[in-house]
Amino acid sequence: VTEWLRDEGEAATRLRAYVDGLRPAADQSSPPIMLQLWIDAKGVVTR
């Protein structure tokens, strides 16, 4: 997940820019995004 969110593609870049704007201050981390992931028997995120 960390790798996917650090990707240089358009979706990851836009998402990081959006989440960056949610920080309480420039020197603080963004609020956590609580994820629930369903992963199939082949190791692919399906939901």
ModelCIF file with pLDDT and N, C-alpha, C, O atoms, coordinates in Angstrom:
data_MODEL
#
_entry.id   MODEL 
#
_entity.id                         1 
_entity.type                       polymer 
_entity.pdbx_number_of_molecules   1 
#
_entity_poly.entity_id                      1 
_entity_poly.type                           'polypeptide(L)' 
_entity_poly.nstd_linkage                   no 
_entity_poly.nstd_monomer                   no 
_entity_poly.pdbx_seq_one_letter_code       VTEWLRDEGEAATRLRAYVDGLRPAADQSSPPIMLQLWIDAKGVVTR 
_entity_poly.pdbx_seq_one_letter_code_can   VTEWLRDEGEAATRLRAYVDGLRPAADQSSPPIMLQLWIDAKGVVTR 
_entity_poly.pdbx_strand_id                 A 
#
loop_
_entity_poly_seq.entity_id 
_entity_poly_seq.num 
_entity_poly_seq.mon_id 
_entity_poly_seq.hetero 
1 1  VAL n 
1 2  THR n 
1 3  GLU n 
1 4  TRP n 
1 5  LEU n 
1 6  ARG n 
1 7  ASP n 
1 8  GLU n 
1 9  GLY n 
1 10 GLU n 
1 11 ALA n 
1 12 ALA n 
1 13 THR n 
1 14 ARG n 
1 15 LEU n 
1 16 ARG n 
1 17 ALA n 
1 18 TYR n 
1 19 VAL n 
1 20 ASP n 
1 21 GLY n 
1 22 LEU n 
1 23 ARG n 
1 24 PRO n 
1 25 ALA n 
1 26 ALA n 
1 27 ASP n 
1 28 GLN n 
1 29 SER n 
1 30 SER n 
1 31 PRO n 
1 32 PRO n 
1 33 ILE n 
1 34 MET n 
1 35 LEU n 
1 36 GLN n 
1 37 LEU n 
1 38 TRP n 
1 39 ILE n 
1 40 ASP n 
1 41 ALA n 
1 42 LYS n 
1 43 GLY n 
1 44 VAL n 
1 45 VAL n 
1 46 THR n 
1 47 ARG n 
#
_struct_asym.id          A 
_struct_asym.entity_id   1 
#
loop_
_ma_qa_metric.id 
_ma_qa_metric.mode 
_ma_qa_metric.name 
_ma_qa_metric.software_group_id 
_ma_qa_metric.type 
1 global pLDDT . pLDDT 
2 local  pLDDT . pLDDT 
#
_ma_qa_metric_global.metric_id      1 
_ma_qa_metric_global.metric_value   90.91 
_ma_qa_metric_global.model_id       1 
_ma_qa_metric_global.ordinal_id     1 
#
loop_
_ma_qa_metric_local.label_asym_id 
_ma_qa_metric_local.label_comp_id 
_ma_qa_metric_local.label_seq_id 
_ma_qa_metric_local.metric_id 
_ma_qa_metric_local.metric_value 
_ma_qa_metric_local.model_id 
_ma_qa_metric_local.ordinal_id 
A VAL 1  2 92.00 1 1  
A THR 2  2 88.00 1 2  
A GLU 3  2 91.00 1 3  
A TRP 4  2 93.00 1 4  
A LEU 5  2 89.00 1 5  
A ARG 6  2 88.00 1 6  
A ASP 7  2 91.00 1 7  
A GLU 8  2 92.00 1 8  
A GLY 9  2 94.00 1 9  
A GLU 10 2 96.00 1 10 
A ALA 11 2 96.00 1 11 
A ALA 12 2 93.00 1 12 
A THR 13 2 92.00 1 13 
A ARG 14 2 95.00 1 14 
A LEU 15 2 93.00 1 15 
A ARG 16 2 90.00 1 16 
A ALA 17 2 91.00 1 17 
A TYR 18 2 93.00 1 18 
A VAL 19 2 89.00 1 19 
A ASP 20 2 87.00 1 20 
A GLY 21 2 87.00 1 21 
A LEU 22 2 88.00 1 22 
A ARG 23 2 85.00 1 23 
A PRO 24 2 84.00 1 24 
A ALA 25 2 85.00 1 25 
A ALA 26 2 80.00 1 26 
A ASP 27 2 83.00 1 27 
A GLN 28 2 83.00 1 28 
A SER 29 2 82.00 1 29 
A SER 30 2 83.00 1 30 
A PRO 31 2 85.00 1 31 
A PRO 32 2 87.00 1 32 
A ILE 33 2 89.00 1 33 
A MET 34 2 92.00 1 34 
A LEU 35 2 94.00 1 35 
A GLN 36 2 95.00 1 36 
A LEU 37 2 96.00 1 37 
A TRP 38 2 96.00 1 38 
A ILE 39 2 96.00 1 39 
A ASP 40 2 96.00 1 40 
A ALA 41 2 94.00 1 41 
A LYS 42 2 95.00 1 42 
A GLY 43 2 96.00 1 43 
A VAL 44 2 97.00 1 44 
A VAL 45 2 98.00 1 45 
A THR 46 2 97.00 1 46 
A ARG 47 2 97.00 1 47 
#
loop_
_atom_site.group_PDB 
_atom_site.id 
_atom_site.type_symbol 
_atom_site.label_atom_id 
_atom_site.label_alt_id 
_atom_site.label_comp_id 
_atom_site.label_asym_id 
_atom_site.label_entity_id 
_atom_site.label_seq_id 
_atom_site.pdbx_PDB_ins_code 
_atom_site.Cartn_x 
_atom_site.Cartn_y 
_atom_site.Cartn_z 
_atom_site.occupancy 
_atom_site.B_iso_or_equiv 
_atom_site.pdbx_formal_charge 
_atom_site.auth_seq_id 
_atom_site.auth_comp_id 
_atom_site.auth_asym_id 
_atom_site.auth_atom_id 
_atom_site.pdbx_PDB_model_num 
ATOM 1   N N  . VAL A 1 1  ? 0.843   -1.198  0.000   1.00 92.00 ? 1  VAL A N  1 
ATOM 2   C CA . VAL A 1 1  ? 0.000   0.000   0.000   1.00 92.00 ? 1  VAL A CA 1 
ATOM 3   C C  . VAL A 1 1  ? 0.877   1.247   0.000   1.00 92.00 ? 1  VAL A C  1 
ATOM 4   O O  . VAL A 1 1  ? 0.605   2.203   -0.726  1.00 92.00 ? 1  VAL A O  1 
ATOM 5   N N  . THR A 1 2  ? 1.917   1.235   0.807   1.00 88.00 ? 2  THR A N  1 
ATOM 6   C CA . THR A 1 2  ? 2.851   2.361   0.832   1.00 88.00 ? 2  THR A CA 1 
ATOM 7   C C  . THR A 1 2  ? 3.455   2.579   -0.552  1.00 88.00 ? 2  THR A C  1 
ATOM 8   O O  . THR A 1 2  ? 3.550   3.712   -1.023  1.00 88.00 ? 2  THR A O  1 
ATOM 9   N N  . GLU A 1 3  ? 3.861   1.498   -1.196  1.00 91.00 ? 3  GLU A N  1 
ATOM 10  C CA . GLU A 1 3  ? 4.430   1.577   -2.550  1.00 91.00 ? 3  GLU A CA 1 
ATOM 11  C C  . GLU A 1 3  ? 3.415   2.182   -3.527  1.00 91.00 ? 3  GLU A C  1 
ATOM 12  O O  . GLU A 1 3  ? 3.757   3.065   -4.314  1.00 91.00 ? 3  GLU A O  1 
ATOM 13  N N  . TRP A 1 4  ? 2.181   1.709   -3.474  1.00 93.00 ? 4  TRP A N  1 
ATOM 14  C CA . TRP A 1 4  ? 1.154   2.215   -4.393  1.00 93.00 ? 4  TRP A CA 1 
ATOM 15  C C  . TRP A 1 4  ? 0.886   3.694   -4.158  1.00 93.00 ? 4  TRP A C  1 
ATOM 16  O O  . TRP A 1 4  ? 0.689   4.444   -5.115  1.00 93.00 ? 4  TRP A O  1 
ATOM 17  N N  . LEU A 1 5  ? 0.874   4.127   -2.896  1.00 89.00 ? 5  LEU A N  1 
ATOM 18  C CA . LEU A 1 5  ? 0.596   5.528   -2.590  1.00 89.00 ? 5  LEU A CA 1 
ATOM 19  C C  . LEU A 1 5  ? 1.778   6.438   -2.915  1.00 89.00 ? 5  LEU A C  1 
ATOM 20  O O  . LEU A 1 5  ? 1.594   7.642   -3.099  1.00 89.00 ? 5  LEU A O  1 
ATOM 21  N N  . ARG A 1 6  ? 2.955   5.897   -2.986  1.00 88.00 ? 6  ARG A N  1 
ATOM 22  C CA . ARG A 1 6  ? 4.155   6.676   -3.357  1.00 88.00 ? 6  ARG A CA 1 
ATOM 23  C C  . ARG A 1 6  ? 4.401   6.693   -4.859  1.00 88.00 ? 6  ARG A C  1 
ATOM 24  O O  . ARG A 1 6  ? 5.320   7.359   -5.335  1.00 88.00 ? 6  ARG A O  1 
ATOM 25  N N  . ASP A 1 7  ? 3.585   5.966   -5.600  1.00 91.00 ? 7  ASP A N  1 
ATOM 26  C CA . ASP A 1 7  ? 3.740   5.877   -7.049  1.00 91.00 ? 7  ASP A CA 1 
ATOM 27  C C  . ASP A 1 7  ? 3.782   7.283   -7.667  1.00 91.00 ? 7  ASP A C  1 
ATOM 28  O O  . ASP A 1 7  ? 3.220   8.229   -7.115  1.00 91.00 ? 7  ASP A O  1 
ATOM 29  N N  . GLU A 1 8  ? 4.444   7.402   -8.800  1.00 92.00 ? 8  GLU A N  1 
ATOM 30  C CA . GLU A 1 8  ? 4.557   8.692   -9.464  1.00 92.00 ? 8  GLU A CA 1 
ATOM 31  C C  . GLU A 1 8  ? 3.461   8.923   -10.494 1.00 92.00 ? 8  GLU A C  1 
ATOM 32  O O  . GLU A 1 8  ? 3.474   9.937   -11.192 1.00 92.00 ? 8  GLU A O  1 
ATOM 33  N N  . GLY A 1 9  ? 2.508   7.994   -10.598 1.00 94.00 ? 9  GLY A N  1 
ATOM 34  C CA . GLY A 1 9  ? 1.407   8.150   -11.541 1.00 94.00 ? 9  GLY A CA 1 
ATOM 35  C C  . GLY A 1 9  ? 0.478   9.284   -11.145 1.00 94.00 ? 9  GLY A C  1 
ATOM 36  O O  . GLY A 1 9  ? 0.574   9.838   -10.050 1.00 94.00 ? 9  GLY A O  1 
ATOM 37  N N  . GLU A 1 10 ? -0.428  9.619   -12.063 1.00 96.00 ? 10 GLU A N  1 
ATOM 38  C CA . GLU A 1 10 ? -1.329  10.749  -11.853 1.00 96.00 ? 10 GLU A CA 1 
ATOM 39  C C  . GLU A 1 10 ? -2.228  10.576  -10.638 1.00 96.00 ? 10 GLU A C  1 
ATOM 40  O O  . GLU A 1 10 ? -2.379  11.506  -9.846  1.00 96.00 ? 10 GLU A O  1 
ATOM 41  N N  . ALA A 1 11 ? -2.831  9.391   -10.475 1.00 96.00 ? 11 ALA A N  1 
ATOM 42  C CA . ALA A 1 11 ? -3.765  9.184   -9.364  1.00 96.00 ? 11 ALA A CA 1 
ATOM 43  C C  . ALA A 1 11 ? -3.059  9.352   -8.023  1.00 96.00 ? 11 ALA A C  1 
ATOM 44  O O  . ALA A 1 11 ? -3.583  10.022  -7.133  1.00 96.00 ? 11 ALA A O  1 
ATOM 45  N N  . ALA A 1 12 ? -1.891  8.763   -7.867  1.00 93.00 ? 12 ALA A N  1 
ATOM 46  C CA . ALA A 1 12 ? -1.164  8.869   -6.595  1.00 93.00 ? 12 ALA A CA 1 
ATOM 47  C C  . ALA A 1 12 ? -0.699  10.300  -6.352  1.00 93.00 ? 12 ALA A C  1 
ATOM 48  O O  . ALA A 1 12 ? -0.752  10.786  -5.222  1.00 93.00 ? 12 ALA A O  1 
ATOM 49  N N  . THR A 1 13 ? -0.253  10.962  -7.380  1.00 92.00 ? 13 THR A N  1 
ATOM 50  C CA . THR A 1 13 ? 0.206   12.347  -7.242  1.00 92.00 ? 13 THR A CA 1 
ATOM 51  C C  . THR A 1 13 ? -0.947  13.260  -6.828  1.00 92.00 ? 13 THR A C  1 
ATOM 52  O O  . THR A 1 13 ? -0.797  14.094  -5.935  1.00 92.00 ? 13 THR A O  1 
ATOM 53  N N  . ARG A 1 14 ? -2.105  13.097  -7.485  1.00 95.00 ? 14 ARG A N  1 
ATOM 54  C CA . ARG A 1 14 ? -3.281  13.902  -7.121  1.00 95.00 ? 14 ARG A CA 1 
ATOM 55  C C  . ARG A 1 14 ? -3.723  13.605  -5.692  1.00 95.00 ? 14 ARG A C  1 
ATOM 56  O O  . ARG A 1 14 ? -4.037  14.517  -4.927  1.00 95.00 ? 14 ARG A O  1 
ATOM 57  N N  . LEU A 1 15 ? -3.744  12.317  -5.339  1.00 93.00 ? 15 LEU A N  1 
ATOM 58  C CA . LEU A 1 15 ? -4.177  11.938  -3.994  1.00 93.00 ? 15 LEU A CA 1 
ATOM 59  C C  . LEU A 1 15 ? -3.244  12.522  -2.941  1.00 93.00 ? 15 LEU A C  1 
ATOM 60  O O  . LEU A 1 15 ? -3.707  13.057  -1.934  1.00 93.00 ? 15 LEU A O  1 
ATOM 61  N N  . ARG A 1 16 ? -1.934  12.425  -3.162  1.00 90.00 ? 16 ARG A N  1 
ATOM 62  C CA . ARG A 1 16 ? -0.987  12.987  -2.186  1.00 90.00 ? 16 ARG A CA 1 
ATOM 63  C C  . ARG A 1 16 ? -1.188  14.496  -2.054  1.00 90.00 ? 16 ARG A C  1 
ATOM 64  O O  . ARG A 1 16 ? -1.129  15.032  -0.947  1.00 90.00 ? 16 ARG A O  1 
ATOM 65  N N  . ALA A 1 17 ? -1.425  15.182  -3.168  1.00 91.00 ? 17 ALA A N  1 
ATOM 66  C CA . ALA A 1 17 ? -1.639  16.633  -3.112  1.00 91.00 ? 17 ALA A CA 1 
ATOM 67  C C  . ALA A 1 17 ? -2.913  16.947  -2.307  1.00 91.00 ? 17 ALA A C  1 
ATOM 68  O O  . ALA A 1 17 ? -2.927  17.872  -1.495  1.00 91.00 ? 17 ALA A O  1 
ATOM 69  N N  . TYR A 1 18 ? -3.964  16.177  -2.537  1.00 93.00 ? 18 TYR A N  1 
ATOM 70  C CA . TYR A 1 18 ? -5.216  16.394  -1.808  1.00 93.00 ? 18 TYR A CA 1 
ATOM 71  C C  . TYR A 1 18 ? -5.023  16.131  -0.313  1.00 93.00 ? 18 TYR A C  1 
ATOM 72  O O  . TYR A 1 18 ? -5.383  16.965  0.519   1.00 93.00 ? 18 TYR A O  1 
ATOM 73  N N  . VAL A 1 19 ? -4.458  14.978  0.024   1.00 89.00 ? 19 VAL A N  1 
ATOM 74  C CA . VAL A 1 19 ? -4.271  14.618  1.432   1.00 89.00 ? 19 VAL A CA 1 
ATOM 75  C C  . VAL A 1 19 ? -3.304  15.578  2.109   1.00 89.00 ? 19 VAL A C  1 
ATOM 76  O O  . VAL A 1 19 ? -3.454  15.868  3.296   1.00 89.00 ? 19 VAL A O  1 
ATOM 77  N N  . ASP A 1 20 ? -2.317  16.075  1.379   1.00 87.00 ? 20 ASP A N  1 
ATOM 78  C CA . ASP A 1 20 ? -1.379  17.053  1.926   1.00 87.00 ? 20 ASP A CA 1 
ATOM 79  C C  . ASP A 1 20 ? -2.130  18.291  2.414   1.00 87.00 ? 20 ASP A C  1 
ATOM 80  O O  . ASP A 1 20 ? -1.751  18.901  3.414   1.00 87.00 ? 20 ASP A O  1 
ATOM 81  N N  . GLY A 1 21 ? -3.188  18.654  1.706   1.00 87.00 ? 21 GLY A N  1 
ATOM 82  C CA . GLY A 1 21 ? -3.984  19.812  2.106   1.00 87.00 ? 21 GLY A CA 1 
ATOM 83  C C  . GLY A 1 21 ? -4.815  19.580  3.359   1.00 87.00 ? 21 GLY A C  1 
ATOM 84  O O  . GLY A 1 21 ? -5.381  20.530  3.901   1.00 87.00 ? 21 GLY A O  1 
ATOM 85  N N  . LEU A 1 22 ? -4.903  18.351  3.830   1.00 88.00 ? 22 LEU A N  1 
ATOM 86  C CA . LEU A 1 22 ? -5.671  18.038  5.038   1.00 88.00 ? 22 LEU A CA 1 
ATOM 87  C C  . LEU A 1 22 ? -4.839  18.137  6.309   1.00 88.00 ? 22 LEU A C  1 
ATOM 88  O O  . LEU A 1 22 ? -5.372  17.976  7.407   1.00 88.00 ? 22 LEU A O  1 
ATOM 89  N N  . ARG A 1 23 ? -3.548  18.397  6.178   1.00 85.00 ? 23 ARG A N  1 
ATOM 90  C CA . ARG A 1 23 ? -2.680  18.486  7.356   1.00 85.00 ? 23 ARG A CA 1 
ATOM 91  C C  . ARG A 1 23 ? -3.111  19.624  8.272   1.00 85.00 ? 23 ARG A C  1 
ATOM 92  O O  . ARG A 1 23 ? -3.522  20.680  7.790   1.00 85.00 ? 23 ARG A O  1 
ATOM 93  N N  . PRO A 1 24 ? -3.024  19.428  9.578   1.00 84.00 ? 24 PRO A N  1 
ATOM 94  C CA . PRO A 1 24 ? -3.318  20.528  10.497  1.00 84.00 ? 24 PRO A CA 1 
ATOM 95  C C  . PRO A 1 24 ? -2.259  21.630  10.416  1.00 84.00 ? 24 PRO A C  1 
ATOM 96  O O  . PRO A 1 24 ? -2.562  22.798  10.661  1.00 84.00 ? 24 PRO A O  1 
ATOM 97  N N  . ALA A 1 25 ? -1.025  21.268  10.076  1.00 85.00 ? 25 ALA A N  1 
ATOM 98  C CA . ALA A 1 25 ? 0.073   22.226  9.907   1.00 85.00 ? 25 ALA A CA 1 
ATOM 99  C C  . ALA A 1 25 ? 1.102   21.588  8.972   1.00 85.00 ? 25 ALA A C  1 
ATOM 100 O O  . ALA A 1 25 ? 1.157   20.364  8.847   1.00 85.00 ? 25 ALA A O  1 
ATOM 101 N N  . ALA A 1 26 ? 1.906   22.410  8.324   1.00 80.00 ? 26 ALA A N  1 
ATOM 102 C CA . ALA A 1 26 ? 2.859   21.921  7.329   1.00 80.00 ? 26 ALA A CA 1 
ATOM 103 C C  . ALA A 1 26 ? 3.857   20.914  7.894   1.00 80.00 ? 26 ALA A C  1 
ATOM 104 O O  . ALA A 1 26 ? 4.340   20.051  7.162   1.00 80.00 ? 26 ALA A O  1 
ATOM 105 N N  . ASP A 1 27 ? 4.172   21.011  9.188   1.00 83.00 ? 27 ASP A N  1 
ATOM 106 C CA . ASP A 1 27 ? 5.162   20.119  9.787   1.00 83.00 ? 27 ASP A CA 1 
ATOM 107 C C  . ASP A 1 27 ? 4.529   18.900  10.466  1.00 83.00 ? 27 ASP A C  1 
ATOM 108 O O  . ASP A 1 27 ? 5.219   18.151  11.157  1.00 83.00 ? 27 ASP A O  1 
ATOM 109 N N  . GLN A 1 28 ? 3.213   18.697  10.271  1.00 83.00 ? 28 GLN A N  1 
ATOM 110 C CA . GLN A 1 28 ? 2.517   17.574  10.898  1.00 83.00 ? 28 GLN A CA 1 
ATOM 111 C C  . GLN A 1 28 ? 2.020   16.595  9.838   1.00 83.00 ? 28 GLN A C  1 
ATOM 112 O O  . GLN A 1 28 ? 1.763   16.970  8.694   1.00 83.00 ? 28 GLN A O  1 
ATOM 113 N N  . SER A 1 29 ? 1.892   15.341  10.242  1.00 82.00 ? 29 SER A N  1 
ATOM 114 C CA . SER A 1 29 ? 1.347   14.327  9.344   1.00 82.00 ? 29 SER A CA 1 
ATOM 115 C C  . SER A 1 29 ? -0.129  14.598  9.093   1.00 82.00 ? 29 SER A C  1 
ATOM 116 O O  . SER A 1 29 ? -0.810  15.255  9.881   1.00 82.00 ? 29 SER A O  1 
ATOM 117 N N  . SER A 1 30 ? -0.594  14.075  7.980   1.00 83.00 ? 30 SER A N  1 
ATOM 118 C CA . SER A 1 30 ? -2.023  14.181  7.668   1.00 83.00 ? 30 SER A CA 1 
ATOM 119 C C  . SER A 1 30 ? -2.812  13.297  8.623   1.00 83.00 ? 30 SER A C  1 
ATOM 120 O O  . SER A 1 30 ? -2.247  12.409  9.260   1.00 83.00 ? 30 SER A O  1 
ATOM 121 N N  . PRO A 1 31 ? -4.123  13.536  8.725   1.00 85.00 ? 31 PRO A N  1 
ATOM 122 C CA . PRO A 1 31 ? -4.934  12.604  9.510   1.00 85.00 ? 31 PRO A CA 1 
ATOM 123 C C  . PRO A 1 31 ? -4.840  11.215  8.877   1.00 85.00 ? 31 PRO A C  1 
ATOM 124 O O  . PRO A 1 31 ? -4.727  11.106  7.656   1.00 85.00 ? 31 PRO A O  1 
ATOM 125 N N  . PRO A 1 32 ? -4.884  10.156  9.681   1.00 87.00 ? 32 PRO A N  1 
ATOM 126 C CA . PRO A 1 32 ? -4.788  8.809   9.109   1.00 87.00 ? 32 PRO A CA 1 
ATOM 127 C C  . PRO A 1 32 ? -6.018  8.473   8.270   1.00 87.00 ? 32 PRO A C  1 
ATOM 128 O O  . PRO A 1 32 ? -7.136  8.885   8.578   1.00 87.00 ? 32 PRO A O  1 
ATOM 129 N N  . ILE A 1 33 ? -5.783  7.721   7.212   1.00 89.00 ? 33 ILE A N  1 
ATOM 130 C CA . ILE A 1 33 ? -6.854  7.198   6.373   1.00 89.00 ? 33 ILE A CA 1 
ATOM 131 C C  . ILE A 1 33 ? -7.034  5.750   6.795   1.00 89.00 ? 33 ILE A C  1 
ATOM 132 O O  . ILE A 1 33 ? -6.138  4.928   6.600   1.00 89.00 ? 33 ILE A O  1 
ATOM 133 N N  . MET A 1 34 ? -8.171  5.437   7.364   1.00 92.00 ? 34 MET A N  1 
ATOM 134 C CA . MET A 1 34 ? -8.424  4.089   7.838   1.00 92.00 ? 34 MET A CA 1 
ATOM 135 C C  . MET A 1 34 ? -8.932  3.235   6.673   1.00 92.00 ? 34 MET A C  1 
ATOM 136 O O  . MET A 1 34 ? -10.008 3.486   6.131   1.00 92.00 ? 34 MET A O  1 
ATOM 137 N N  . LEU A 1 35 ? -8.159  2.242   6.302   1.00 94.00 ? 35 LEU A N  1 
ATOM 138 C CA . LEU A 1 35 ? -8.478  1.386   5.160   1.00 94.00 ? 35 LEU A CA 1 
ATOM 139 C C  . LEU A 1 35 ? -8.968  0.022   5.623   1.00 94.00 ? 35 LEU A C  1 
ATOM 140 O O  . LEU A 1 35 ? -8.481  -0.523  6.613   1.00 94.00 ? 35 LEU A O  1 
ATOM 141 N N  . GLN A 1 36 ? -9.922  -0.511  4.905   1.00 95.00 ? 36 GLN A N  1 
ATOM 142 C CA . GLN A 1 36 ? -10.347 -1.894  5.063   1.00 95.00 ? 36 GLN A CA 1 
ATOM 143 C C  . GLN A 1 36 ? -10.164 -2.531  3.690   1.00 95.00 ? 36 GLN A C  1 
ATOM 144 O O  . GLN A 1 36 ? -10.762 -2.085  2.710   1.00 95.00 ? 36 GLN A O  1 
ATOM 145 N N  . LEU A 1 37 ? -9.345  -3.565  3.619   1.00 96.00 ? 37 LEU A N  1 
ATOM 146 C CA . LEU A 1 37 ? -9.026  -4.197  2.339   1.00 96.00 ? 37 LEU A CA 1 
ATOM 147 C C  . LEU A 1 37 ? -9.451  -5.656  2.333   1.00 96.00 ? 37 LEU A C  1 
ATOM 148 O O  . LEU A 1 37 ? -9.169  -6.404  3.269   1.00 96.00 ? 37 LEU A O  1 
ATOM 149 N N  . TRP A 1 38 ? -10.131 -6.046  1.267   1.00 96.00 ? 38 TRP A N  1 
ATOM 150 C CA . TRP A 1 38 ? -10.467 -7.437  1.029   1.00 96.00 ? 38 TRP A CA 1 
ATOM 151 C C  . TRP A 1 38 ? -9.516  -7.934  -0.044  1.00 96.00 ? 38 TRP A C  1 
ATOM 152 O O  . TRP A 1 38 ? -9.389  -7.318  -1.102  1.00 96.00 ? 38 TRP A O  1 
ATOM 153 N N  . ILE A 1 39 ? -8.854  -9.036  0.222   1.00 96.00 ? 39 ILE A N  1 
ATOM 154 C CA . ILE A 1 39 ? -7.825  -9.571  -0.667  1.00 96.00 ? 39 ILE A CA 1 
ATOM 155 C C  . ILE A 1 39 ? -8.206  -11.002 -1.012  1.00 96.00 ? 39 ILE A C  1 
ATOM 156 O O  . ILE A 1 39 ? -8.469  -11.812 -0.123  1.00 96.00 ? 39 ILE A O  1 
ATOM 157 N N  . ASP A 1 40 ? -8.234  -11.315 -2.313  1.00 96.00 ? 40 ASP A N  1 
ATOM 158 C CA . ASP A 1 40 ? -8.670  -12.653 -2.716  1.00 96.00 ? 40 ASP A CA 1 
ATOM 159 C C  . ASP A 1 40 ? -7.560  -13.682 -2.546  1.00 96.00 ? 40 ASP A C  1 
ATOM 160 O O  . ASP A 1 40 ? -6.446  -13.345 -2.147  1.00 96.00 ? 40 ASP A O  1 
ATOM 161 N N  . ALA A 1 41 ? -7.870  -14.927 -2.848  1.00 94.00 ? 41 ALA A N  1 
ATOM 162 C CA . ALA A 1 41 ? -6.936  -16.037 -2.659  1.00 94.00 ? 41 ALA A CA 1 
ATOM 163 C C  . ALA A 1 41 ? -5.694  -15.914 -3.530  1.00 94.00 ? 41 ALA A C  1 
ATOM 164 O O  . ALA A 1 41 ? -4.696  -16.589 -3.277  1.00 94.00 ? 41 ALA A O  1 
ATOM 165 N N  . LYS A 1 42 ? -5.738  -15.066 -4.549  1.00 95.00 ? 42 LYS A N  1 
ATOM 166 C CA . LYS A 1 42 ? -4.573  -14.845 -5.416  1.00 95.00 ? 42 LYS A CA 1 
ATOM 167 C C  . LYS A 1 42 ? -3.731  -13.663 -4.952  1.00 95.00 ? 42 LYS A C  1 
ATOM 168 O O  . LYS A 1 42 ? -2.716  -13.345 -5.573  1.00 95.00 ? 42 LYS A O  1 
ATOM 169 N N  . GLY A 1 43 ? -4.144  -13.007 -3.862  1.00 96.00 ? 43 GLY A N  1 
ATOM 170 C CA . GLY A 1 43 ? -3.383  -11.877 -3.343  1.00 96.00 ? 43 GLY A CA 1 
ATOM 171 C C  . GLY A 1 43 ? -3.696  -10.564 -4.037  1.00 96.00 ? 43 GLY A C  1 
ATOM 172 O O  . GLY A 1 43 ? -2.846  -9.674  -4.080  1.00 96.00 ? 43 GLY A O  1 
ATOM 173 N N  . VAL A 1 44 ? -4.909  -10.423 -4.587  1.00 97.00 ? 44 VAL A N  1 
ATOM 174 C CA . VAL A 1 44 ? -5.303  -9.200  -5.285  1.00 97.00 ? 44 VAL A CA 1 
ATOM 175 C C  . VAL A 1 44 ? -6.378  -8.488  -4.458  1.00 97.00 ? 44 VAL A C  1 
ATOM 176 O O  . VAL A 1 44 ? -7.327  -9.118  -3.991  1.00 97.00 ? 44 VAL A O  1 
ATOM 177 N N  . VAL A 1 45 ? -6.224  -7.193  -4.283  1.00 98.00 ? 45 VAL A N  1 
ATOM 178 C CA . VAL A 1 45 ? -7.223  -6.402  -3.559  1.00 98.00 ? 45 VAL A CA 1 
ATOM 179 C C  . VAL A 1 45 ? -8.475  -6.320  -4.431  1.00 98.00 ? 45 VAL A C  1 
ATOM 180 O O  . VAL A 1 45 ? -8.435  -5.800  -5.546  1.00 98.00 ? 45 VAL A O  1 
ATOM 181 N N  . THR A 1 46 ? -9.583  -6.839  -3.909  1.00 97.00 ? 46 THR A N  1 
ATOM 182 C CA . THR A 1 46 ? -10.833 -6.858  -4.667  1.00 97.00 ? 46 THR A CA 1 
ATOM 183 C C  . THR A 1 46 ? -11.825 -5.809  -4.192  1.00 97.00 ? 46 THR A C  1 
ATOM 184 O O  . THR A 1 46 ? -12.767 -5.466  -4.906  1.00 97.00 ? 46 THR A O  1 
ATOM 185 N N  . ARG A 1 47 ? -11.610 -5.304  -2.993  1.00 97.00 ? 47 ARG A N  1 
ATOM 186 C CA . ARG A 1 47 ? -12.532 -4.320  -2.439  1.00 97.00 ? 47 ARG A CA 1 
ATOM 187 C C  . ARG A 1 47 ? -11.767 -3.491  -1.425  1.00 97.00 ? 47 ARG A C  1 
ATOM 188 O O  . ARG A 1 47 ? -12.334 -2.585  -0.814  1.00 97.00 ? 47 ARG A O  1 
#
